[in-house]
């Protein structure tokens, strides 16, 4: 009869269990909630520039630190600013 291994012990050791989120680490506060901004404005180019990468992509909420509500408003504002020509769709080469 073949010897059976326990399912989780070797796999957990190989994958380096516990390398995910830091225990006790706090999320950084949303910059818009901190400044008590009600809605993200598409004309505020300075804050929108911080939310797009050098390639022109909208950065994720993990990078921007925005909460879910403000991140969706931010994405809409970036799209509106692009449509009006205030922000580029792609970066210059």
Protein backbone atom coordinates (compact mmCIF):
# COMPACT_ATOMS: atom_id res chain seq x y z
CA UNK A 1 0.00 0.00 0.00
CA UNK A 2 1.27 3.50 -0.87
CA UNK A 3 2.11 5.95 1.85
CA UNK A 4 -0.13 9.05 1.87
CA UNK A 5 1.10 12.52 2.71
CA UNK A 6 -0.91 15.08 4.52
CA UNK A 7 -2.39 17.51 2.00
CA UNK A 8 -1.29 20.87 3.36
CA UNK A 9 2.08 20.58 5.05
CA UNK A 10 4.51 20.34 2.13
CA UNK A 11 2.48 22.60 -0.12
CA UNK A 12 2.33 25.30 2.56
CA UNK A 13 6.08 25.12 3.11
CA UNK A 14 6.82 25.43 -0.60
CA UNK A 15 4.54 28.38 -1.21
CA UNK A 16 5.77 30.36 1.77
CA UNK A 17 2.65 30.54 3.83
CA UNK A 18 1.90 33.92 5.38
CA UNK A 19 3.50 36.14 2.74
CA UNK A 20 0.20 37.83 1.92
CA UNK A 21 -1.10 40.91 3.68
CA UNK A 22 0.84 42.17 6.67
CA UNK A 23 -0.86 41.51 9.95
CA UNK A 24 -1.72 44.73 11.73
CA UNK A 25 -0.95 46.96 8.75
CA UNK A 26 -3.44 49.76 8.21
CA UNK A 27 -4.71 50.96 4.86
CA UNK A 28 -3.70 54.48 3.98
CA UNK A 29 -6.65 56.87 4.14
CA UNK A 30 -8.43 57.97 0.99
CA UNK A 31 -6.95 61.35 -0.08
CA UNK A 32 -10.40 62.59 -1.12
CA UNK A 33 -12.09 61.56 2.16
CA UNK A 34 -9.22 63.11 4.11
CA UNK A 35 -9.70 66.45 2.31
CA UNK A 36 -13.51 66.11 2.65
CA UNK A 37 -14.06 66.17 -1.14
CA UNK A 38 -17.67 65.29 -1.94
CA UNK A 39 -17.26 64.60 -5.66
CA UNK A 40 -14.16 64.30 -7.83
CA UNK A 41 -14.17 67.06 -10.45
CA UNK A 42 -12.96 66.41 -14.00
CA UNK A 43 -11.48 69.93 -14.17
CA UNK A 44 -9.06 69.28 -11.29
CA UNK A 45 -6.22 68.14 -13.53
CA UNK A 46 -3.61 68.01 -10.75
CA UNK A 47 -5.42 65.28 -8.79
CA UNK A 48 -6.35 63.42 -11.97
CA UNK A 49 -2.70 63.37 -13.16
CA UNK A 50 -1.74 61.56 -9.95
CA UNK A 51 -4.34 58.90 -10.74
CA UNK A 52 -3.00 57.99 -14.19
CA UNK A 53 0.27 56.24 -15.00
CA UNK A 54 2.95 57.51 -17.37
CA UNK A 55 1.42 55.29 -20.07
CA UNK A 56 -1.95 56.97 -19.54
CA UNK A 57 -3.73 54.13 -17.75
CA UNK A 58 -5.95 54.73 -14.73
CA UNK A 59 -4.18 53.45 -11.62
CA UNK A 60 -5.91 51.01 -9.27
CA UNK A 61 -7.30 51.96 -5.90
CA UNK A 62 -4.46 50.07 -4.19
CA UNK A 63 -2.01 52.51 -5.77
CA UNK A 64 -4.07 55.70 -5.50
CA UNK A 65 -5.32 54.89 -2.00
CA UNK A 66 -8.84 56.03 -2.89
CA UNK A 67 -11.89 54.36 -1.38
CA UNK A 68 -14.36 52.53 -3.61
CA UNK A 69 -16.69 55.50 -3.98
CA UNK A 70 -14.01 58.01 -4.88
CA UNK A 71 -12.14 55.54 -7.13
CA UNK A 72 -15.22 55.12 -9.34
CA UNK A 73 -15.73 58.91 -9.39
CA UNK A 74 -12.05 59.28 -10.25
CA UNK A 75 -12.32 56.88 -13.19
CA UNK A 76 -15.37 58.73 -14.52
CA UNK A 77 -13.63 62.10 -14.12
CA UNK A 78 -10.51 60.86 -15.97
CA UNK A 79 -12.68 59.58 -18.83
CA UNK A 80 -14.51 62.91 -19.05
CA UNK A 81 -11.27 64.88 -18.99
CA UNK A 82 -9.89 62.69 -21.78
CA UNK A 83 -13.02 63.25 -23.86
CA UNK A 84 -12.69 67.03 -23.48
CA UNK A 85 -8.98 66.95 -24.30
CA UNK A 86 -7.75 67.93 -20.83
CA UNK A 87 -5.89 64.63 -20.38
CA UNK A 88 -4.22 62.43 -23.00
CA UNK A 89 -5.52 58.96 -23.83
CA UNK A 90 -1.96 57.64 -24.23
CA UNK A 91 1.46 59.01 -23.32
CA UNK A 92 3.75 60.72 -25.82
CA UNK A 93 6.75 58.71 -26.96
